[in-house]
Each structure stands twice: as structure tokens, then as C-alpha cells.
N, C-alpha and C. Protein backbone atom coordinates (compact mmCIF):
# COMPACT_ATOMS: atom_id res chain seq x y z
N UNK A 1 78.51 148.72 125.16
CA UNK A 1 77.76 149.74 125.96
C UNK A 1 77.97 151.07 125.18
N UNK A 2 76.38 151.60 124.84
CA UNK A 2 76.55 152.63 123.69
C UNK A 2 77.12 153.98 124.58
N UNK A 3 77.68 155.14 123.67
CA UNK A 3 77.91 156.22 124.24
C UNK A 3 76.60 156.77 125.02
N UNK A 4 75.75 156.79 124.60
CA UNK A 4 74.55 157.50 125.13
C UNK A 4 74.17 156.85 126.32
N UNK A 5 74.30 155.30 126.43
CA UNK A 5 74.22 154.74 128.14
C UNK A 5 75.21 155.37 128.90
N UNK A 6 76.82 155.58 128.35
CA UNK A 6 77.48 155.80 129.24
C UNK A 6 77.19 157.39 129.88
N UNK A 7 76.78 158.24 128.92
CA UNK A 7 76.33 159.55 129.22
C UNK A 7 75.31 159.39 130.48
N UNK A 8 74.17 158.56 129.95
CA UNK A 8 72.90 158.47 130.91
C UNK A 8 73.53 158.14 132.58
N UNK A 9 74.30 157.15 132.41
CA UNK A 9 74.77 156.66 133.63
C UNK A 9 75.57 157.79 134.59
N UNK A 10 76.56 158.22 133.84
CA UNK A 10 77.25 159.22 134.40
C UNK A 10 76.42 160.49 135.03
N UNK A 11 75.69 160.81 134.29
CA UNK A 11 74.86 161.95 134.57
C UNK A 11 73.77 161.64 135.82
N UNK A 12 73.32 160.15 135.93
CA UNK A 12 72.29 159.87 136.49
C UNK A 12 73.44 159.82 138.13
N UNK A 13 74.40 159.20 138.19
CA UNK A 13 75.16 159.27 139.32
C UNK A 13 75.28 160.83 139.72
N UNK A 14 75.98 161.41 138.85
CA UNK A 14 76.08 162.77 139.22
C UNK A 14 74.94 163.44 139.88
N UNK A 15 73.86 163.41 139.26
CA UNK A 15 72.95 164.41 139.71
C UNK A 15 71.94 163.55 140.88
N UNK A 16 72.29 162.25 141.20
CA UNK A 16 71.79 161.30 142.25
C UNK A 16 72.82 161.77 143.58
N UNK A 17 73.79 161.79 143.44
CA UNK A 17 74.78 162.27 144.56
C UNK A 17 74.38 163.50 145.27
N UNK A 18 74.44 164.51 144.12
CA UNK A 18 73.48 165.74 144.35
C UNK A 18 72.20 165.93 145.54
N UNK A 19 71.53 165.11 144.90
CA UNK A 19 70.03 165.02 145.45
C UNK A 19 70.24 164.09 146.96
N UNK A 20 71.02 162.81 147.00
CA UNK A 20 71.04 161.86 148.26
C UNK A 20 71.75 162.86 149.32
N UNK A 21 73.06 163.44 148.73
CA UNK A 21 73.83 164.30 149.60
C UNK A 21 73.02 165.35 150.27
N UNK A 22 72.03 166.20 149.67
CA UNK A 22 71.10 167.00 150.11
C UNK A 22 70.11 166.52 151.27
N UNK A 23 69.53 165.15 150.85
CA UNK A 23 68.48 164.54 151.72
C UNK A 23 69.30 164.39 153.19
N UNK A 24 70.52 163.70 153.09
CA UNK A 24 71.04 163.18 154.03
C UNK A 24 72.06 164.06 154.66
N UNK A 25 72.18 164.97 154.57
CA UNK A 25 73.33 165.90 155.11
C UNK A 25 72.49 167.11 155.92
N UNK A 26 71.33 167.31 155.60
CA UNK A 26 70.58 168.22 156.12
C UNK A 26 70.52 169.26 155.31
N UNK A 27 70.82 169.46 153.98
CA UNK A 27 70.98 170.40 152.89
C UNK A 27 69.55 170.96 152.59
N UNK A 28 68.51 170.22 152.85
CA UNK A 28 67.13 170.61 152.08
C UNK A 28 66.68 171.74 153.13
N UNK A 29 66.98 171.95 154.22
CA UNK A 29 66.32 173.28 154.63
C UNK A 29 66.87 174.33 154.37
N UNK A 30 68.38 174.52 154.08
CA UNK A 30 69.04 175.59 153.37
C UNK A 30 68.58 175.87 152.05
N UNK A 31 68.25 174.71 151.21
CA UNK A 31 67.47 175.01 149.92
C UNK A 31 66.48 175.61 149.98
N UNK A 32 65.70 174.93 150.93
CA UNK A 32 64.14 175.82 151.09
C UNK A 32 64.47 177.25 151.79
N UNK A 33 65.33 177.69 152.39
CA UNK A 33 65.48 179.17 152.97
C UNK A 33 65.83 179.89 151.68
N UNK A 34 66.78 179.05 150.66
CA UNK A 34 67.19 179.96 149.57
C UNK A 34 65.93 180.38 148.58
N UNK A 35 64.94 179.41 148.22
CA UNK A 35 63.85 179.33 147.68
C UNK A 35 62.95 180.24 148.40
N UNK A 36 62.90 180.71 149.63
CA UNK A 36 61.95 181.27 150.41
C UNK A 36 62.42 182.93 149.86
N UNK A 37 63.98 183.09 149.47
CA UNK A 37 64.40 184.67 149.29
C UNK A 37 64.01 184.72 147.97
N UNK A 38 63.68 183.67 147.01
CA UNK A 38 63.36 184.00 145.75
C UNK A 38 62.10 183.99 145.44
N UNK A 39 61.29 183.86 146.67
CA UNK A 39 59.88 184.46 146.95
C UNK A 39 58.76 183.10 146.42
N UNK A 40 59.63 181.81 146.30
CA UNK A 40 58.85 180.68 145.89
C UNK A 40 57.76 180.39 146.85
N UNK A 41 56.43 180.07 146.83
CA UNK A 41 55.40 179.68 147.66
C UNK A 41 55.70 178.04 148.05
N UNK A 42 55.61 178.03 149.40
CA UNK A 42 55.86 176.73 150.05
C UNK A 42 57.37 175.77 149.79
N UNK A 43 58.18 177.02 150.31
CA UNK A 43 59.76 176.74 149.64
C UNK A 43 60.29 175.62 150.17
N UNK A 44 59.87 175.11 151.45
CA UNK A 44 60.48 174.07 152.23
C UNK A 44 59.95 172.62 151.49
N UNK A 45 58.70 172.71 151.37
CA UNK A 45 58.01 171.81 150.48
C UNK A 45 58.50 171.73 148.97
N UNK A 46 58.75 172.63 148.49
CA UNK A 46 59.41 172.63 147.17
C UNK A 46 61.00 172.06 147.13
N UNK A 47 61.41 172.72 148.20
CA UNK A 47 62.87 172.01 148.36
C UNK A 47 62.79 170.26 148.43
N UNK A 48 61.95 170.05 149.39
CA UNK A 48 61.61 168.53 149.35
C UNK A 48 61.40 167.71 147.83
N UNK A 49 60.42 168.48 147.29
CA UNK A 49 59.85 167.91 146.06
C UNK A 49 61.21 167.66 144.77
N UNK A 50 62.15 169.13 144.98
CA UNK A 50 63.50 169.07 144.18
C UNK A 50 64.27 167.95 144.36
N UNK A 51 64.48 167.84 145.91
CA UNK A 51 65.13 166.83 146.37
C UNK A 51 64.81 165.44 145.91
N UNK A 52 63.42 165.06 146.15
CA UNK A 52 63.24 163.79 146.10
C UNK A 52 63.19 163.49 144.40
N UNK A 53 62.84 164.35 143.70
CA UNK A 53 62.67 164.14 142.30
C UNK A 53 64.29 164.09 141.82
N UNK A 54 65.45 164.60 142.37
CA UNK A 54 66.52 164.50 142.23
C UNK A 54 67.16 163.11 142.56
N UNK A 55 66.53 162.36 143.39
CA UNK A 55 67.02 161.16 143.84
C UNK A 55 66.23 160.19 142.97
N UNK A 56 64.87 160.29 143.00
CA UNK A 56 64.05 159.37 142.07
C UNK A 56 64.51 159.32 140.54
N UNK A 57 64.58 160.58 140.00
CA UNK A 57 64.77 160.92 138.78
C UNK A 57 66.33 160.20 138.01
N UNK A 58 66.97 160.32 139.19
CA UNK A 58 68.58 159.72 138.81
C UNK A 58 68.38 158.13 138.91
N UNK A 59 67.72 157.68 139.65
CA UNK A 59 67.41 156.35 139.70
C UNK A 59 66.78 155.67 138.59
N UNK A 60 65.63 156.39 137.76
CA UNK A 60 65.03 156.05 136.85
C UNK A 60 66.21 156.49 135.40
N UNK A 61 66.99 157.31 135.31
CA UNK A 61 67.94 157.43 134.41
C UNK A 61 68.99 156.20 134.54
N UNK A 62 69.27 155.90 135.69
CA UNK A 62 70.19 154.68 135.84
C UNK A 62 69.85 153.36 135.45
N UNK A 63 68.33 153.26 135.45
CA UNK A 63 67.77 151.74 135.33
C UNK A 63 67.21 152.17 133.97
N UNK A 64 67.39 153.40 133.20
CA UNK A 64 66.47 153.45 131.96
C UNK A 64 65.16 153.15 131.63
N UNK A 65 64.28 153.76 132.91
CA UNK A 65 63.12 153.74 133.29
C UNK A 65 62.58 155.18 133.27
N UNK A 66 61.57 155.70 132.37
CA UNK A 66 60.87 157.17 132.49
C UNK A 66 61.89 158.09 132.45
N UNK A 67 62.90 157.76 131.34
CA UNK A 67 64.12 158.29 130.87
C UNK A 67 63.53 159.74 130.59
N UNK A 68 62.72 159.98 129.45
CA UNK A 68 62.37 161.52 129.28
C UNK A 68 61.79 162.14 130.30
N UNK A 69 61.08 161.90 131.10
CA UNK A 69 60.69 162.74 132.24
C UNK A 69 61.59 162.98 133.21
N UNK A 70 62.39 161.93 133.34
CA UNK A 70 63.63 162.24 134.26
C UNK A 70 64.45 163.07 133.63
N UNK A 71 64.95 163.13 132.43
CA UNK A 71 65.69 163.97 131.94
C UNK A 71 65.15 165.41 131.71
N UNK A 72 63.99 165.56 131.46
CA UNK A 72 63.15 166.81 131.31
C UNK A 72 63.37 167.53 132.68
N UNK A 73 62.89 166.96 133.76
CA UNK A 73 62.82 167.47 135.06
C UNK A 73 64.21 167.65 135.20
N UNK A 74 64.99 167.12 135.04
CA UNK A 74 66.40 167.38 135.86
C UNK A 74 66.95 168.73 134.83
N UNK A 75 66.43 168.67 133.75
CA UNK A 75 67.17 169.83 132.87
C UNK A 75 66.33 171.20 133.20
N UNK A 76 65.11 171.08 133.62
CA UNK A 76 64.22 172.30 134.28
C UNK A 76 64.68 172.48 135.41
N UNK A 77 65.28 171.79 136.39
CA UNK A 77 66.11 172.26 137.76
C UNK A 77 67.22 172.69 137.34
N UNK A 78 68.14 172.28 136.59
CA UNK A 78 69.39 172.85 136.25
C UNK A 78 69.10 174.36 135.58
N UNK A 79 68.06 174.45 134.79
CA UNK A 79 68.22 175.71 134.09
C UNK A 79 67.52 176.71 135.17
N UNK A 80 66.68 176.37 136.05
CA UNK A 80 66.24 177.09 137.05
C UNK A 80 67.40 177.67 138.01
N UNK A 81 68.41 176.55 138.20
CA UNK A 81 69.43 177.11 138.88
C UNK A 81 70.36 177.67 138.52
N UNK A 82 70.64 177.76 136.80
CA UNK A 82 71.21 178.64 136.36
C UNK A 82 70.71 180.16 136.47
N UNK A 83 69.38 180.20 135.93
CA UNK A 83 68.69 181.52 136.26
C UNK A 83 68.92 182.07 137.95
N UNK A 84 68.54 181.20 138.77
CA UNK A 84 68.52 182.07 140.02
C UNK A 84 70.19 181.94 140.78
N UNK A 85 70.93 181.17 140.47
CA UNK A 85 72.33 181.06 141.28
C UNK A 85 73.36 181.53 140.07
N UNK A 86 73.68 180.66 139.43
CA UNK A 86 74.75 180.64 138.76
C UNK A 86 75.24 181.70 137.93
N UNK A 87 74.37 182.07 136.73
CA UNK A 87 74.43 183.04 135.82
C UNK A 87 74.92 184.23 136.34
N UNK A 88 74.58 184.66 137.41
CA UNK A 88 75.25 185.82 137.79
C UNK A 88 76.80 185.89 138.40
N UNK A 89 77.22 184.70 138.29
CA UNK A 89 78.56 184.41 138.62
C UNK A 89 79.49 184.08 137.35
N UNK A 90 78.89 184.19 136.08
CA UNK A 90 79.89 184.07 134.92
C UNK A 90 79.94 182.54 134.51
N UNK A 91 80.98 182.37 133.57
CA UNK A 91 80.79 181.12 133.30
C UNK A 91 81.46 179.90 134.19
N UNK A 92 82.65 180.34 134.66
CA UNK A 92 83.57 179.09 135.09
C UNK A 92 83.07 178.88 136.59
N UNK A 93 83.23 177.47 136.73
CA UNK A 93 82.75 176.79 138.20
C UNK A 93 84.15 177.32 139.12
N UNK A 94 85.12 177.02 138.46
CA UNK A 94 86.49 177.30 139.17
C UNK A 94 87.53 177.89 138.34
N UNK A 95 88.60 178.40 139.13
CA UNK A 95 89.41 178.78 138.07
C UNK A 95 89.40 180.05 137.39
N UNK A 96 88.57 180.48 136.38
CA UNK A 96 88.62 181.95 136.17
C UNK A 96 87.41 182.61 136.67
N UNK A 97 86.65 181.86 137.86
CA UNK A 97 85.68 182.35 138.31
C UNK A 97 85.04 181.35 139.38
N UNK A 98 84.15 181.48 140.28
CA UNK A 98 83.44 180.65 141.01
C UNK A 98 82.05 180.66 141.15
N UNK A 99 81.54 179.11 141.06
CA UNK A 99 80.01 178.98 141.26
C UNK A 99 79.48 179.18 139.67
N UNK A 100 80.22 179.40 138.47
CA UNK A 100 79.51 179.55 137.19
C UNK A 100 78.51 178.55 136.72
N UNK A 101 78.45 179.00 135.71
CA UNK A 101 77.20 178.24 134.93
C UNK A 101 77.63 176.94 133.83
N UNK A 102 79.18 176.56 133.85
CA UNK A 102 79.76 175.66 132.65
C UNK A 102 79.20 174.06 133.11
N UNK A 103 79.12 173.70 134.39
CA UNK A 103 78.92 172.37 134.83
C UNK A 103 77.40 172.34 134.48
N UNK A 104 76.51 173.17 134.87
CA UNK A 104 75.08 172.85 134.70
C UNK A 104 74.89 172.89 133.12
N UNK A 105 75.53 173.99 132.36
CA UNK A 105 75.26 173.82 130.99
C UNK A 105 75.79 172.36 130.32
N UNK A 106 76.71 171.78 130.87
CA UNK A 106 77.37 170.60 130.45
C UNK A 106 76.22 169.65 130.87
N UNK A 107 75.57 169.65 131.75
CA UNK A 107 74.91 168.44 132.51
C UNK A 107 73.60 168.81 131.51
N UNK A 108 73.05 169.93 131.23
CA UNK A 108 71.89 170.12 130.80
C UNK A 108 71.95 169.65 129.13
N UNK A 109 73.22 169.85 128.40
CA UNK A 109 73.55 169.47 127.12
C UNK A 109 73.63 167.87 127.05
N UNK A 110 73.81 167.14 128.16
CA UNK A 110 74.04 165.81 128.36
C UNK A 110 72.40 165.14 128.37
N UNK A 111 71.57 166.01 129.11
CA UNK A 111 70.21 165.73 129.46
C UNK A 111 69.49 165.91 128.07
N UNK A 112 69.72 166.91 127.16
CA UNK A 112 69.19 167.35 125.71
C UNK A 112 69.28 165.78 125.03
N UNK A 113 70.82 165.50 125.09
CA UNK A 113 70.98 164.44 124.14
C UNK A 113 70.50 162.95 124.76
N UNK A 114 70.11 163.15 125.86
CA UNK A 114 69.57 161.67 126.36
C UNK A 114 68.22 161.66 126.27
N UNK A 115 67.53 163.08 125.90
CA UNK A 115 66.26 163.23 125.76
C UNK A 115 66.33 162.82 124.01
N UNK A 116 67.05 163.44 123.47
CA UNK A 116 66.66 163.07 121.94
C UNK A 116 67.09 161.75 121.43
N UNK A 117 67.87 161.27 122.31
CA UNK A 117 68.32 159.43 121.95
C UNK A 117 67.05 158.60 122.46
N UNK A 118 66.49 158.99 123.50
CA UNK A 118 64.73 158.57 123.83
C UNK A 118 63.79 159.12 123.19
N UNK A 119 63.90 159.59 121.87
CA UNK A 119 62.79 160.02 121.26
C UNK A 119 62.01 158.82 120.82
N UNK A 120 60.57 159.08 120.94
CA UNK A 120 59.94 157.77 120.09
C UNK A 120 60.01 157.64 118.50
N UNK A 121 60.52 158.51 117.99
CA UNK A 121 60.67 158.53 116.65
C UNK A 121 61.95 157.96 116.15
N UNK A 122 63.02 157.83 117.13
CA UNK A 122 64.08 156.98 117.00
C UNK A 122 64.29 155.64 117.45
N UNK A 123 63.12 155.46 118.24
CA UNK A 123 62.96 154.39 118.63
C UNK A 123 62.23 152.92 117.61
N UNK A 124 61.66 153.37 116.68
CA UNK A 124 61.19 152.73 115.43
C UNK A 124 62.27 151.77 114.69
């Protein structure tokens, strides 16, 4: 198994757990309420779209299908989360702070590596 396959698999599992957990524990409504405070149009629909993408995109990453679309979509969701939630809390998720950007930055870096490794130019 290649190193990028390990990264893709672990990232898929981590992001999948996030989406599936939200979907099956009633967290979508809370996300929609948060999005409403950010003046997003149709916040409950957006919350479901994000959640469904997190679930489907994670399955795509896990099964090595539509990897570039899945990685890019997940990166956009994470960068948006950094901008709306985590940046104001600093760097650290725990320890030196709370709910900061470090975890999201790591995931975005992994997704960028996945995108680069799945570039059509590298597949030749």
C-alpha cells in the first residue's frame, strides 16, 4: 500500500465519521442554524448538502473513485470552516487553545496531497 493510499484512506474515514455522525445524531439541524447566523441562503438545505457531500465524498475517497472532486469538495468545506469558525480561535484544537485551525489545516494539506497525487499529468 502506497503512502498516499494510507493518507487517502485515513482522511476518508475521519471526514466520513464527521458527516455520518452529524446525519445520524441530529446535528444537521444545528449546522443549519449556525449557517443561518452566517446569512447563508437556505441554511437547512445547505447543511444537508454539506453533510451528504461529506458522507458521499468520503466513500469516494475510500473507494478511490471521483477522488479529485471529493478531495476538492472536502477542502472547500474545511477552508470555509476555518474562515467561519476556527480562525478566530487560534491555532490549537486543544492544549494551547480550543477549537483552533490545526486539525483542519492538516486535513486540507492531506487533501491537497491527494489532489496532486491524482493529477492526470502524474497518471501518465
